[in-house]
């Protein structure tokens, strides 16, 4: 999880090599700002520091996941996460002819390994597994990890630069939408502004705002922001466009997205008046997205109402929406935990802590949500049998 220990501006200091990389990124940003007249919209800034070739966080080679990285996602915490998810992916695959399985942004490859292993045990093996990965570094690590853990799948997993044109099966996205760069809009004294980055004093980067000249973006902000008060937040147009695009490619089956976020009434709550954007570095989080550009992961929470609306535009329907805890319990994660051994055994004791992190309301259990969007009503949805909060979207 982009587990944030505490919101902590006192981030660890990078070593000399990392500092040198951050300086290269800063110099490239200065050049890009000059080319844009001194202002870069926040969406473009986030895209640059995350994905610029050889410079961006996901394009360069620094370690990102796990104890030595900047955050830990659910699959790295426990293999029971992927095993539980497989219990819901299986009936989706069984309801389709092609049984395609596509994962976007596969991280370390841990989720792919655990899904494939458990689907094989359940007798619900997909016809193939495709990973859409933009990071060359992560793609290489995924290939190595899957080759070691699942030699039978070596050569059968495909790595793609873009989703397949047609998908008949299941699409899985774990902590992907939060990393899609959003627009950031502010209303100040009744006037609309676009937030971005400029050069501050002594050549440093600084947050700035300029008059918003995008009528479409203003319309969305007017619809979503609470009325009258000064307010600033993300408008995740690109993330919602990704969901809509995937929905149009989905001929049958379902899309499952797991991420941290809220329904719209909570996302654009009056008390959340400066948005949700954060930077993550060495398991610390800060609200300053300009910290250590190229070294820190920059993310925003997900508006799950927007995800549901994007799916609807592509002809998909909400099959269910729930907290991660409710979803995983519906998928039988507690039964899988019990199967690790006697509660006094070493295996159980090793497994129980990570599962508590996945389920605890104080950790990932409530902040993280799962939404499923389906085409047709052929699949069973045991994951939402315990509770479906679609009415909150």
Protein backbone atom coordinates (compact mmCIF):
# COMPACT_ATOMS: atom_id res chain seq x y z
CA UNK A 1 0.00 0.00 0.00
CA UNK A 2 1.42 3.33 -0.45
CA UNK A 3 1.45 2.87 3.27
CA UNK A 4 2.23 6.13 4.78
CA UNK A 5 3.63 5.87 8.23
CA UNK A 6 2.85 9.49 9.09
CA UNK A 7 2.50 12.68 7.13
CA UNK A 8 6.09 13.74 7.66
CA UNK A 9 7.80 16.71 5.99
CA UNK A 10 11.11 15.61 7.53
CA UNK A 11 11.85 13.08 4.81
CA UNK A 12 15.05 11.01 4.84
CA UNK A 13 17.97 12.52 2.97
CA UNK A 14 18.85 10.81 -0.32
CA UNK A 15 22.38 9.60 -0.91
CA UNK A 16 24.79 11.31 -3.29
CA UNK A 17 23.78 9.25 -6.33
CA UNK A 18 20.08 9.91 -5.74
CA UNK A 19 20.75 13.61 -5.21
CA UNK A 20 22.57 13.74 -8.51
CA UNK A 21 19.59 12.14 -10.25
CA UNK A 22 17.19 14.61 -8.61
CA UNK A 23 19.38 17.46 -9.86
CA UNK A 24 19.26 16.07 -13.41
CA UNK A 25 15.48 15.95 -13.17
CA UNK A 26 15.38 19.50 -11.80
CA UNK A 27 17.52 20.82 -14.66
CA UNK A 28 15.28 19.05 -17.19
CA UNK A 29 12.22 20.56 -15.51
CA UNK A 30 13.74 24.03 -15.70
CA UNK A 31 14.32 23.57 -19.43
CA UNK A 32 10.75 22.29 -19.87
CA UNK A 33 9.40 25.26 -17.93
CA UNK A 34 11.36 27.67 -20.13
CA UNK A 35 9.89 26.00 -23.21
CA UNK A 36 6.38 26.43 -21.77
CA UNK A 37 6.76 30.08 -20.87
CA UNK A 38 7.55 29.52 -17.20
CA UNK A 39 4.42 27.56 -16.16
CA UNK A 40 3.74 23.82 -16.26
CA UNK A 41 0.24 22.54 -15.35
CA UNK A 42 0.32 20.13 -12.43
CA UNK A 43 -0.84 17.27 -14.65
CA UNK A 44 2.20 17.78 -16.90
CA UNK A 45 4.53 18.13 -13.92
CA UNK A 46 3.36 14.86 -12.37
CA UNK A 47 3.60 13.11 -15.73
CA UNK A 48 7.17 14.41 -16.11
CA UNK A 49 8.48 13.43 -12.67
CA UNK A 50 6.84 10.00 -12.87
CA UNK A 51 7.24 8.96 -16.50
CA UNK A 52 9.83 11.08 -18.37
CA UNK A 53 12.20 8.63 -20.14
CA UNK A 54 15.34 7.89 -18.05
CA UNK A 55 14.34 10.59 -15.55
CA UNK A 56 10.88 9.90 -14.14
CA UNK A 57 10.23 7.91 -11.01
CA UNK A 58 8.79 4.94 -12.90
CA UNK A 59 11.17 5.23 -15.85
CA UNK A 60 14.47 5.30 -13.92
CA UNK A 61 16.02 2.39 -12.06
CA UNK A 62 15.64 3.29 -8.38
CA UNK A 63 14.04 0.67 -6.18
CA UNK A 64 10.40 1.58 -5.53
CA UNK A 65 8.63 -1.29 -3.78
CA UNK A 66 9.15 -3.00 -0.44
CA UNK A 67 11.19 -2.17 2.64
CA UNK A 68 14.09 -0.76 0.59
CA UNK A 69 11.81 1.37 -1.58
CA UNK A 70 9.27 4.12 -1.03
CA UNK A 71 6.04 2.21 -0.43
CA UNK A 72 4.69 -1.31 -0.03
CA UNK A 73 1.64 -2.51 -1.94
CA UNK A 74 -0.78 -5.19 -0.80
CA UNK A 75 0.72 -8.03 -2.91
CA UNK A 76 4.15 -7.40 -1.33
CA UNK A 77 2.59 -7.54 2.13
CA UNK A 78 1.04 -10.98 1.77
CA UNK A 79 0.52 -13.64 -0.91
CA UNK A 80 -2.93 -14.13 0.61
CA UNK A 81 -4.03 -10.86 -1.03
CA UNK A 82 -3.57 -12.29 -4.53
CA UNK A 83 -4.92 -15.67 -3.49
CA UNK A 84 -8.10 -14.05 -2.18
CA UNK A 85 -8.46 -11.88 -5.27
CA UNK A 86 -8.23 -15.02 -7.39
CA UNK A 87 -11.43 -16.27 -5.75
CA UNK A 88 -13.27 -13.42 -7.50
CA UNK A 89 -11.25 -13.37 -10.72
CA UNK A 90 -12.04 -17.08 -11.24
CA UNK A 91 -15.84 -16.70 -11.68
CA UNK A 92 -15.26 -13.70 -13.96
CA UNK A 93 -13.01 -15.80 -16.21
CA UNK A 94 -15.41 -18.72 -16.10
CA UNK A 95 -18.20 -16.47 -17.41
CA UNK A 96 -16.23 -15.55 -20.56
CA UNK A 97 -15.17 -17.48 -23.63
CA UNK A 98 -11.64 -16.21 -24.16
CA UNK A 99 -10.67 -16.15 -20.44
CA UNK A 100 -8.24 -13.26 -20.94
CA UNK A 101 -6.50 -11.88 -17.87
CA UNK A 102 -4.89 -8.44 -18.12
CA UNK A 103 -3.09 -6.58 -15.34
CA UNK A 104 -2.13 -2.92 -15.56
CA UNK A 105 0.94 -1.75 -13.67
CA UNK A 106 2.10 -5.05 -12.18
CA UNK A 107 4.63 -3.59 -9.71
CA UNK A 108 7.08 -6.25 -8.56
CA UNK A 109 5.11 -9.05 -10.28
CA UNK A 110 3.96 -10.43 -6.92
CA UNK A 111 0.25 -10.09 -7.71
CA UNK A 112 0.64 -11.87 -11.06
CA UNK A 113 2.49 -14.72 -9.35
CA UNK A 114 -0.08 -15.15 -6.60
CA UNK A 115 -3.06 -14.83 -8.96
CA UNK A 116 -1.71 -17.38 -11.45
CA UNK A 117 -0.70 -19.81 -8.72
CA UNK A 118 -4.12 -19.71 -7.03
CA UNK A 119 -6.11 -19.74 -10.27
CA UNK A 120 -4.22 -22.86 -11.27
CA UNK A 121 -5.06 -24.46 -7.91
CA UNK A 122 -8.73 -23.53 -8.40
CA UNK A 123 -8.79 -25.06 -11.88
CA UNK A 124 -9.54 -21.64 -13.38
CA UNK A 125 -6.36 -20.98 -15.33
CA UNK A 126 -6.65 -18.06 -17.78
CA UNK A 127 -5.91 -18.57 -21.44
CA UNK A 128 -3.10 -16.06 -21.11
CA UNK A 129 -1.78 -13.30 -18.88
CA UNK A 130 -0.93 -9.86 -20.28
CA UNK A 131 0.83 -7.16 -18.27
CA UNK A 132 0.61 -3.54 -19.41
CA UNK A 133 3.72 -1.89 -17.99
CA UNK A 134 5.25 1.48 -18.91
CA UNK A 135 8.31 1.21 -16.65
CA UNK A 136 11.27 -0.59 -18.30
CA UNK A 137 12.81 -1.20 -14.87
CA UNK A 138 9.66 -2.76 -13.39
CA UNK A 139 9.03 -4.78 -16.55
CA UNK A 140 12.45 -6.39 -16.23
CA UNK A 141 11.90 -7.16 -12.54
CA UNK A 142 8.49 -8.65 -13.27
CA UNK A 143 9.93 -10.91 -15.96
CA UNK A 144 12.64 -12.16 -13.64
CA UNK A 145 10.28 -12.70 -10.69
CA UNK A 146 7.63 -14.55 -12.70
CA UNK A 147 10.26 -16.65 -14.47
CA UNK A 148 11.72 -17.74 -11.12
CA UNK A 149 8.44 -18.36 -9.31
CA UNK A 150 6.38 -19.83 -12.17
CA UNK A 151 8.69 -21.47 -14.73
CA UNK A 152 5.66 -23.07 -16.41
CA UNK A 153 4.47 -19.58 -17.30
CA UNK A 154 7.82 -18.45 -18.69
CA UNK A 155 7.14 -17.32 -22.25
CA UNK A 156 3.37 -17.37 -21.71
CA UNK A 157 3.08 -13.98 -20.00
CA UNK A 158 2.99 -11.09 -22.48
CA UNK A 159 4.26 -7.58 -21.71
CA UNK A 160 2.47 -4.82 -23.59
CA UNK A 161 2.86 -1.07 -23.96
CA UNK A 162 -0.91 -0.59 -24.22
CA UNK A 163 -3.98 -2.70 -23.38
CA UNK A 164 -5.16 -5.23 -25.98
CA UNK A 165 -7.69 -3.91 -28.48
CA UNK A 166 -10.20 -6.54 -27.32
CA UNK A 167 -10.43 -8.14 -23.89
CA UNK A 168 -12.82 -10.96 -23.02
CA UNK A 169 -12.11 -11.77 -19.39
CA UNK A 170 -10.82 -9.84 -16.40
CA UNK A 171 -8.82 -6.62 -16.08
CA UNK A 172 -7.07 -6.03 -12.75
CA UNK A 173 -5.64 -2.71 -11.57
CA UNK A 174 -4.07 -2.53 -8.12
CA UNK A 175 -2.89 0.97 -7.19
CA UNK A 176 -2.82 2.19 -10.78
CA UNK A 177 -5.42 4.97 -10.95
CA UNK A 178 -3.79 6.93 -8.11
CA UNK A 179 -0.64 7.25 -10.26
CA UNK A 180 -2.41 8.69 -13.33
CA UNK A 181 -1.57 12.43 -13.37
CA UNK A 182 -4.61 14.63 -12.62
CA UNK A 183 -5.45 18.22 -13.44
CA UNK A 184 -5.59 20.45 -10.36
CA UNK A 185 -8.09 23.31 -10.24
CA UNK A 186 -8.59 26.01 -7.61
CA UNK A 187 -11.42 28.44 -6.97
CA UNK A 188 -10.26 31.61 -5.22
CA UNK A 189 -12.72 34.42 -4.49
CA UNK A 190 -15.12 33.02 -7.07
CA UNK A 191 -12.49 32.89 -9.83
CA UNK A 192 -11.13 29.73 -11.36
CA UNK A 193 -7.43 28.90 -11.57
CA UNK A 194 -5.25 26.11 -12.84
CA UNK A 195 -2.55 24.93 -10.45
CA UNK A 196 0.91 24.17 -11.72
CA UNK A 197 4.63 24.60 -11.22
CA UNK A 198 6.89 27.54 -11.93
CA UNK A 199 10.39 28.69 -11.01
CA UNK A 200 10.68 30.33 -7.63
CA UNK A 201 13.49 32.28 -6.11
CA UNK A 202 17.05 31.02 -6.61
CA UNK A 203 15.88 28.68 -9.37
CA UNK A 204 13.84 26.42 -7.13
CA UNK A 205 10.48 24.91 -8.10
CA UNK A 206 7.34 26.48 -6.71
CA UNK A 207 3.59 25.89 -6.83
CA UNK A 208 1.71 28.56 -8.78
CA UNK A 209 -1.75 29.25 -10.12
CA UNK A 210 -2.92 30.98 -13.28
CA UNK A 211 -6.34 31.79 -14.72
CA UNK A 212 -8.10 28.67 -15.96
CA UNK A 213 -8.79 28.82 -19.70
CA UNK A 214 -10.21 25.32 -20.18
CA UNK A 215 -14.04 25.55 -20.19
CA UNK A 216 -14.44 21.78 -19.97
CA UNK A 217 -12.25 21.56 -16.89
CA UNK A 218 -14.09 24.46 -15.29
CA UNK A 219 -17.44 22.76 -15.94
CA UNK A 220 -16.29 19.58 -14.21
CA UNK A 221 -14.94 21.54 -11.25
CA UNK A 222 -18.19 23.50 -10.91
CA UNK A 223 -20.14 20.24 -10.82
CA UNK A 224 -17.90 18.55 -8.26
CA UNK A 225 -16.56 21.23 -5.92
CA UNK A 226 -18.59 22.27 -2.88
CA UNK A 227 -20.28 25.61 -3.62
CA UNK A 228 -18.99 29.09 -2.85
CA UNK A 229 -15.97 28.40 -0.60
CA UNK A 230 -12.36 28.74 -1.75
CA UNK A 231 -11.35 25.25 -2.76
CA UNK A 232 -8.65 23.34 -4.67
CA UNK A 233 -8.58 19.71 -5.73
CA UNK A 234 -7.70 17.21 -8.40
CA UNK A 235 -9.85 16.57 -11.45
CA UNK A 236 -8.76 13.07 -12.53
CA UNK A 237 -9.80 13.32 -16.17
CA UNK A 238 -6.97 11.10 -17.40
CA UNK A 239 -7.69 8.30 -14.91
CA UNK A 240 -11.37 8.34 -15.81
CA UNK A 241 -10.49 8.35 -19.51
CA UNK A 242 -8.33 5.27 -18.92
CA UNK A 243 -11.27 3.46 -17.29
CA UNK A 244 -13.56 4.43 -20.16
CA UNK A 245 -11.01 3.26 -22.73
CA UNK A 246 -10.60 -0.09 -20.96
CA UNK A 247 -14.37 -0.42 -20.78
CA UNK A 248 -14.68 0.01 -24.54
CA UNK A 249 -12.05 -2.69 -25.06
CA UNK A 250 -13.85 -5.06 -22.69
CA UNK A 251 -16.03 -7.31 -24.86
CA UNK A 252 -17.09 -9.42 -21.90
CA UNK A 253 -16.14 -9.93 -18.28
CA UNK A 254 -15.18 -7.27 -15.77
CA UNK A 255 -12.68 -4.68 -14.64
CA UNK A 256 -11.56 -4.66 -10.98
CA UNK A 257 -9.81 -1.58 -9.61
CA UNK A 258 -8.28 -1.52 -6.12
CA UNK A 259 -7.00 1.77 -4.78
CA UNK A 260 -7.23 4.31 -2.02
CA UNK A 261 -9.94 6.88 -2.40
CA UNK A 262 -13.53 7.88 -1.74
CA UNK A 263 -16.95 8.29 -3.33
CA UNK A 264 -17.40 11.82 -4.69
CA UNK A 265 -19.27 13.18 -1.68
CA UNK A 266 -16.21 12.41 0.45
CA UNK A 267 -13.54 13.14 -2.15
CA UNK A 268 -14.77 16.71 -2.65
CA UNK A 269 -15.71 17.28 0.97
CA UNK A 270 -15.51 20.90 2.18
CA UNK A 271 -12.93 19.91 4.79
CA UNK A 272 -10.63 18.50 2.07
CA UNK A 273 -10.05 21.97 0.66
CA UNK A 274 -6.52 21.47 -0.73
CA UNK A 275 -7.03 18.14 -2.47
CA UNK A 276 -5.34 14.80 -1.87
CA UNK A 277 -2.04 14.95 -3.78
CA UNK A 278 0.93 13.53 -1.89
CA UNK A 279 4.55 12.54 -2.45
CA UNK A 280 5.97 9.32 -1.01
CA UNK A 281 9.65 8.83 -0.28
CA UNK A 282 11.24 6.07 1.79
CA UNK A 283 7.97 5.14 3.49
CA UNK A 284 7.22 8.73 4.46
CA UNK A 285 4.55 10.97 2.96
CA UNK A 286 4.30 14.70 2.48
CA UNK A 287 1.71 16.99 0.93
CA UNK A 288 4.50 18.72 -1.03
CA UNK A 289 4.52 17.20 -4.56
CA UNK A 290 7.74 19.06 -5.42
CA UNK A 291 9.95 17.16 -2.99
CA UNK A 292 12.89 15.29 -4.58
CA UNK A 293 11.54 15.29 -8.17
CA UNK A 294 12.23 11.98 -9.86
CA UNK A 295 12.95 10.27 -6.53
CA UNK A 296 9.51 10.50 -4.92
CA UNK A 297 6.26 8.89 -6.01
CA UNK A 298 3.48 11.45 -6.51
CA UNK A 299 -0.08 10.19 -6.16
CA UNK A 300 -3.67 11.32 -5.61
CA UNK A 301 -6.69 9.55 -4.17
CA UNK A 302 -9.33 8.11 -6.49
CA UNK A 303 -12.84 9.50 -7.03
CA UNK A 304 -14.68 6.19 -7.30
CA UNK A 305 -17.87 7.91 -8.41
CA UNK A 306 -15.90 9.18 -11.40
CA UNK A 307 -14.64 5.65 -12.06
CA UNK A 308 -18.22 4.33 -12.07
CA UNK A 309 -19.34 7.13 -14.41
CA UNK A 310 -16.45 6.43 -16.78
CA UNK A 311 -17.42 2.78 -16.89
CA UNK A 312 -21.03 3.70 -17.60
CA UNK A 313 -19.96 5.81 -20.58
CA UNK A 314 -18.37 2.66 -21.99
CA UNK A 315 -21.47 0.57 -21.35
CA UNK A 316 -20.28 -1.11 -18.13
CA UNK A 317 -22.33 -1.51 -14.97
CA UNK A 318 -21.17 -1.49 -11.37
CA UNK A 319 -21.09 -5.07 -10.13
CA UNK A 320 -20.03 -3.98 -6.66
CA UNK A 321 -18.15 -1.46 -4.56
CA UNK A 322 -16.72 -2.17 -1.13
CA UNK A 323 -13.92 -1.46 1.28
CA UNK A 324 -10.86 -3.63 0.78
CA UNK A 325 -11.56 -5.37 4.09
CA UNK A 326 -15.11 -6.31 3.11
CA UNK A 327 -14.01 -7.42 -0.36
CA UNK A 328 -11.15 -9.63 0.88
CA UNK A 329 -13.27 -11.21 3.60
CA UNK A 330 -15.92 -11.93 0.97
CA UNK A 331 -13.17 -13.57 -1.09
CA UNK A 332 -12.31 -15.87 1.82
CA UNK A 333 -9.02 -14.40 2.98
CA UNK A 334 -9.68 -15.44 6.57
CA UNK A 335 -10.18 -19.05 5.47
CA UNK A 336 -6.89 -18.87 3.61
CA UNK A 337 -5.23 -17.45 6.70
CA UNK A 338 -6.61 -20.29 8.81
CA UNK A 339 -5.24 -22.78 6.29
CA UNK A 340 -1.68 -21.55 6.90
CA UNK A 341 -1.56 -23.56 10.11
CA UNK A 342 -2.45 -23.74 13.77
CA UNK A 343 -2.77 -20.25 15.35
CA UNK A 344 0.29 -21.04 17.45
CA UNK A 345 2.39 -22.13 14.48
CA UNK A 346 5.21 -20.05 13.06
CA UNK A 347 3.57 -20.02 9.61
CA UNK A 348 0.33 -18.60 10.99
CA UNK A 349 2.10 -16.01 13.10
CA UNK A 350 4.07 -14.83 10.06
CA UNK A 351 0.88 -14.56 8.00
CA UNK A 352 -1.49 -12.96 10.49
CA UNK A 353 0.24 -9.57 10.84
CA UNK A 354 0.17 -8.68 7.14
CA UNK A 355 -3.45 -9.82 6.87
CA UNK A 356 -4.35 -7.57 9.78
CA UNK A 357 -2.74 -4.68 7.88
CA UNK A 358 -4.83 -5.52 4.80
CA UNK A 359 -8.06 -5.61 6.82
CA UNK A 360 -7.63 -3.14 9.69
CA UNK A 361 -9.70 0.08 9.47
CA UNK A 362 -6.65 1.91 10.81
CA UNK A 363 -4.44 0.58 8.00
CA UNK A 364 -5.60 -0.46 4.51
CA UNK A 365 -8.97 -2.01 5.29
CA UNK A 366 -11.17 1.09 4.98
CA UNK A 367 -9.07 3.62 3.07
CA UNK A 368 -8.63 1.20 0.17
CA UNK A 369 -11.69 0.39 -1.90
CA UNK A 370 -12.52 -2.11 -4.64
CA UNK A 371 -14.85 -1.38 -7.53
CA UNK A 372 -15.93 -3.93 -10.12
CA UNK A 373 -17.37 -2.87 -13.48
CA UNK A 374 -18.88 -5.58 -15.66
CA UNK A 375 -20.31 -6.07 -19.11
CA UNK A 376 -23.34 -8.31 -18.80
CA UNK A 377 -24.38 -10.20 -15.70
CA UNK A 378 -22.83 -13.61 -16.27
CA UNK A 379 -20.31 -13.69 -13.40
CA UNK A 380 -20.89 -14.56 -9.75
CA UNK A 381 -19.68 -11.96 -7.23
CA UNK A 382 -18.88 -13.68 -3.92
CA UNK A 383 -16.62 -10.74 -2.98
CA UNK A 384 -19.61 -8.46 -2.47
CA UNK A 385 -21.84 -10.96 -0.68
CA UNK A 386 -20.72 -9.56 2.67
CA UNK A 387 -21.55 -6.00 1.73
CA UNK A 388 -21.97 -3.80 -1.33
CA UNK A 389 -21.67 -0.04 -0.91
CA UNK A 390 -22.56 0.88 -4.51
CA UNK A 391 -25.33 3.13 -3.19
CA UNK A 392 -22.62 5.47 -1.86
CA UNK A 393 -21.20 6.19 -5.30
